[in-house]
Amino acid sequence: MSLRRQVIDTLFGGNRDPLTRIVKRAGGSGTPNASLTAPIGTFCCIDYNGQVTDDDIYINTDGATAWSLVYDASEKGHLYTAY
């Protein structure tokens, strides 16, 4: 098995197109940890209407409720929205 395939299998649960699993979490506060369940490798975009964590992006790391921050919008800038 190639290293590429091993990384995809590990980080995204074998999903060959990781960007098909993106959820938007709106109208809350804090991280999705322990409160949002999703398959491993799912991305979660935070939309908390102007709060510090707005536009942060997390990835699910266990196929349940564990999430890791992969993009901190307060340091790197907010997501581009064309709507």
N, C-alpha and C. Protein backbone atom coordinates (compact mmCIF):
# COMPACT_ATOMS: atom_id res chain seq x y z
N MET A 1 0.85 -1.17 0.00
CA MET A 1 0.00 0.00 0.00
C MET A 1 0.89 1.24 0.00
N SER A 2 0.50 2.23 -0.79
CA SER A 2 1.28 3.46 -0.88
C SER A 2 1.13 4.31 0.38
N LEU A 3 2.09 5.16 0.59
CA LEU A 3 2.03 6.07 1.73
C LEU A 3 0.82 6.99 1.61
N ARG A 4 0.52 7.42 0.39
CA ARG A 4 -0.67 8.26 0.15
C ARG A 4 -1.93 7.56 0.62
N ARG A 5 -2.10 6.31 0.26
CA ARG A 5 -3.28 5.54 0.64
C ARG A 5 -3.33 5.34 2.15
N GLN A 6 -2.17 5.12 2.78
CA GLN A 6 -2.12 4.94 4.23
C GLN A 6 -2.57 6.21 4.96
N VAL A 7 -2.13 7.36 4.47
CA VAL A 7 -2.53 8.63 5.10
C VAL A 7 -4.03 8.86 4.93
N ILE A 8 -4.56 8.63 3.74
CA ILE A 8 -6.00 8.79 3.50
C ILE A 8 -6.79 7.84 4.38
N ASP A 9 -6.38 6.60 4.46
CA ASP A 9 -7.08 5.62 5.29
C ASP A 9 -7.05 6.02 6.76
N THR A 10 -5.91 6.54 7.21
CA THR A 10 -5.76 6.91 8.62
C THR A 10 -6.53 8.17 8.98
N LEU A 11 -6.36 9.23 8.20
CA LEU A 11 -6.98 10.51 8.55
C LEU A 11 -8.44 10.62 8.17
N PHE A 12 -8.82 9.96 7.06
CA PHE A 12 -10.16 10.15 6.53
C PHE A 12 -10.98 8.86 6.49
N GLY A 13 -10.56 7.86 7.22
CA GLY A 13 -11.32 6.62 7.29
C GLY A 13 -11.52 5.97 5.93
N GLY A 14 -10.54 6.13 5.03
CA GLY A 14 -10.62 5.52 3.73
C GLY A 14 -11.45 6.29 2.72
N ASN A 15 -12.05 7.40 3.12
CA ASN A 15 -12.86 8.22 2.21
C ASN A 15 -11.94 8.84 1.16
N ARG A 16 -12.11 8.46 -0.10
CA ARG A 16 -11.21 8.92 -1.16
C ARG A 16 -11.40 10.39 -1.52
N ASP A 17 -12.50 10.98 -1.15
CA ASP A 17 -12.74 12.40 -1.39
C ASP A 17 -13.13 13.06 -0.07
N PRO A 18 -12.14 13.40 0.76
CA PRO A 18 -12.41 13.92 2.11
C PRO A 18 -13.30 15.15 2.16
N LEU A 19 -13.35 15.93 1.09
CA LEU A 19 -14.15 17.15 1.12
C LEU A 19 -15.64 16.89 0.91
N THR A 20 -16.03 15.63 0.79
CA THR A 20 -17.46 15.31 0.72
C THR A 20 -18.08 15.25 2.11
N ARG A 21 -17.24 15.24 3.12
CA ARG A 21 -17.75 15.19 4.50
C ARG A 21 -17.39 16.47 5.24
N ILE A 22 -18.23 17.47 5.05
CA ILE A 22 -18.06 18.75 5.74
C ILE A 22 -19.39 19.11 6.37
N VAL A 23 -19.36 19.41 7.66
CA VAL A 23 -20.57 19.86 8.34
C VAL A 23 -20.35 21.29 8.82
N LYS A 24 -21.44 22.02 8.92
CA LYS A 24 -21.39 23.40 9.41
C LYS A 24 -22.09 23.43 10.76
N ARG A 25 -21.42 23.97 11.75
CA ARG A 25 -22.01 24.09 13.08
C ARG A 25 -22.31 25.56 13.33
N ALA A 26 -23.57 25.87 13.47
CA ALA A 26 -23.99 27.27 13.60
C ALA A 26 -24.74 27.49 14.91
N GLY A 27 -24.72 28.73 15.34
CA GLY A 27 -25.55 29.15 16.46
C GLY A 27 -25.19 28.57 17.80
N GLY A 28 -23.93 28.42 18.09
CA GLY A 28 -23.53 27.90 19.39
C GLY A 28 -22.30 28.60 19.89
N SER A 29 -21.51 27.85 20.66
CA SER A 29 -20.24 28.37 21.14
C SER A 29 -19.34 27.19 21.47
N GLY A 30 -18.06 27.44 21.52
CA GLY A 30 -17.10 26.40 21.87
C GLY A 30 -16.79 25.47 20.71
N THR A 31 -16.11 24.38 21.04
CA THR A 31 -15.69 23.41 20.04
C THR A 31 -16.75 22.33 19.86
N PRO A 32 -16.64 21.53 18.81
CA PRO A 32 -17.60 20.44 18.64
C PRO A 32 -17.28 19.21 19.50
N ASN A 33 -16.18 19.26 20.26
CA ASN A 33 -15.79 18.11 21.10
C ASN A 33 -16.91 17.68 22.03
N ALA A 34 -17.15 16.39 22.05
CA ALA A 34 -18.12 15.74 22.94
C ALA A 34 -19.57 16.10 22.66
N SER A 35 -19.83 16.93 21.63
CA SER A 35 -21.21 17.30 21.38
C SER A 35 -21.67 17.06 19.94
N LEU A 36 -20.73 16.72 19.05
CA LEU A 36 -21.08 16.48 17.65
C LEU A 36 -20.45 15.16 17.20
N THR A 37 -21.28 14.25 16.74
CA THR A 37 -20.82 12.94 16.27
C THR A 37 -20.74 12.93 14.76
N ALA A 38 -19.64 12.37 14.22
CA ALA A 38 -19.45 12.30 12.77
C ALA A 38 -18.44 11.20 12.46
N PRO A 39 -18.41 10.73 11.21
CA PRO A 39 -17.40 9.76 10.80
C PRO A 39 -15.99 10.35 10.89
N ILE A 40 -15.02 9.50 11.11
CA ILE A 40 -13.62 9.94 11.16
C ILE A 40 -13.27 10.68 9.87
N GLY A 41 -12.53 11.78 10.00
CA GLY A 41 -12.11 12.55 8.84
C GLY A 41 -13.10 13.60 8.38
N THR A 42 -14.24 13.70 9.04
CA THR A 42 -15.22 14.74 8.70
C THR A 42 -14.70 16.09 9.16
N PHE A 43 -14.86 17.10 8.32
CA PHE A 43 -14.50 18.46 8.69
C PHE A 43 -15.72 19.17 9.27
N CYS A 44 -15.49 20.03 10.25
CA CYS A 44 -16.55 20.83 10.85
C CYS A 44 -16.15 22.29 10.77
N CYS A 45 -16.95 23.09 10.07
CA CYS A 45 -16.72 24.54 9.97
C CYS A 45 -17.62 25.22 10.99
N ILE A 46 -17.02 26.05 11.80
CA ILE A 46 -17.74 26.75 12.85
C ILE A 46 -18.31 28.06 12.31
N ASP A 47 -19.59 28.29 12.54
CA ASP A 47 -20.25 29.52 12.12
C ASP A 47 -21.03 30.06 13.33
N TYR A 48 -20.32 30.78 14.21
CA TYR A 48 -20.92 31.28 15.44
C TYR A 48 -21.18 32.78 15.39
N ASN A 49 -21.42 33.30 14.20
CA ASN A 49 -21.85 34.67 14.01
C ASN A 49 -20.96 35.70 14.71
N GLY A 50 -19.69 35.72 14.31
CA GLY A 50 -18.78 36.76 14.77
C GLY A 50 -18.03 36.48 16.05
N GLN A 51 -18.21 35.34 16.67
CA GLN A 51 -17.47 35.02 17.88
C GLN A 51 -16.01 34.70 17.53
N VAL A 52 -15.15 34.63 18.53
CA VAL A 52 -13.72 34.37 18.33
C VAL A 52 -13.49 33.08 17.55
N THR A 53 -14.30 32.05 17.79
CA THR A 53 -14.10 30.75 17.13
C THR A 53 -14.76 30.68 15.75
N ASP A 54 -15.42 31.76 15.32
CA ASP A 54 -16.09 31.77 14.02
C ASP A 54 -15.10 31.46 12.90
N ASP A 55 -15.47 30.55 12.01
CA ASP A 55 -14.69 30.11 10.86
C ASP A 55 -13.55 29.15 11.20
N ASP A 56 -13.43 28.73 12.43
CA ASP A 56 -12.46 27.68 12.75
C ASP A 56 -12.89 26.39 12.06
N ILE A 57 -11.91 25.54 11.75
CA ILE A 57 -12.20 24.26 11.13
C ILE A 57 -11.58 23.15 11.97
N TYR A 58 -12.39 22.14 12.25
CA TYR A 58 -11.97 20.97 13.02
C TYR A 58 -12.08 19.73 12.15
N ILE A 59 -11.34 18.67 12.53
CA ILE A 59 -11.46 17.38 11.88
C ILE A 59 -11.78 16.34 12.95
N ASN A 60 -12.70 15.43 12.61
CA ASN A 60 -13.06 14.37 13.55
C ASN A 60 -11.95 13.32 13.55
N THR A 61 -11.50 12.95 14.74
CA THR A 61 -10.34 12.06 14.86
C THR A 61 -10.65 10.66 15.35
N ASP A 62 -11.91 10.39 15.70
CA ASP A 62 -12.20 9.05 16.22
C ASP A 62 -13.48 8.41 15.69
N GLY A 63 -14.16 9.07 14.78
CA GLY A 63 -15.41 8.52 14.27
C GLY A 63 -16.55 8.64 15.26
N ALA A 64 -16.38 9.48 16.25
CA ALA A 64 -17.41 9.71 17.25
C ALA A 64 -17.44 11.21 17.58
N THR A 65 -17.00 11.59 18.78
CA THR A 65 -17.13 13.00 19.19
C THR A 65 -15.80 13.68 19.49
N ALA A 66 -14.68 13.13 19.05
CA ALA A 66 -13.37 13.78 19.27
C ALA A 66 -12.99 14.59 18.04
N TRP A 67 -12.66 15.86 18.26
CA TRP A 67 -12.34 16.78 17.17
C TRP A 67 -11.04 17.50 17.47
N SER A 68 -10.25 17.76 16.42
CA SER A 68 -9.00 18.52 16.55
C SER A 68 -9.06 19.75 15.66
N LEU A 69 -8.62 20.87 16.19
CA LEU A 69 -8.58 22.11 15.44
C LEU A 69 -7.49 22.01 14.38
N VAL A 70 -7.85 22.27 13.12
CA VAL A 70 -6.86 22.25 12.03
C VAL A 70 -6.70 23.62 11.39
N TYR A 71 -7.63 24.52 11.64
CA TYR A 71 -7.53 25.88 11.09
C TYR A 71 -8.10 26.86 12.11
N ASP A 72 -7.24 27.72 12.63
CA ASP A 72 -7.65 28.72 13.62
C ASP A 72 -7.82 30.06 12.92
N ALA A 73 -9.06 30.44 12.65
CA ALA A 73 -9.36 31.65 11.89
C ALA A 73 -8.91 32.92 12.61
N SER A 74 -8.82 32.89 13.93
CA SER A 74 -8.39 34.09 14.65
C SER A 74 -6.92 34.39 14.40
N GLU A 75 -6.15 33.39 13.98
CA GLU A 75 -4.74 33.58 13.67
C GLU A 75 -4.48 33.66 12.17
N LYS A 76 -5.23 32.90 11.39
CA LYS A 76 -4.94 32.75 9.96
C LYS A 76 -5.89 33.52 9.05
N GLY A 77 -6.96 34.06 9.59
CA GLY A 77 -7.92 34.80 8.78
C GLY A 77 -9.20 34.01 8.58
N HIS A 78 -10.26 34.72 8.32
CA HIS A 78 -11.57 34.09 8.18
C HIS A 78 -11.75 33.50 6.79
N LEU A 79 -12.66 32.54 6.71
CA LEU A 79 -12.94 31.87 5.44
C LEU A 79 -13.57 32.83 4.46
N TYR A 80 -13.25 32.66 3.22
CA TYR A 80 -13.87 33.45 2.15
C TYR A 80 -15.27 32.94 1.92
N THR A 81 -16.23 33.82 1.90
CA THR A 81 -17.61 33.43 1.57
C THR A 81 -18.10 34.31 0.43
N ALA A 82 -18.69 33.66 -0.55
CA ALA A 82 -19.14 34.38 -1.74
C ALA A 82 -20.65 34.53 -1.78
N TYR A 83 -21.27 34.52 -0.63
CA TYR A 83 -22.73 34.66 -0.62
C TYR A 83 -23.16 35.90 0.10
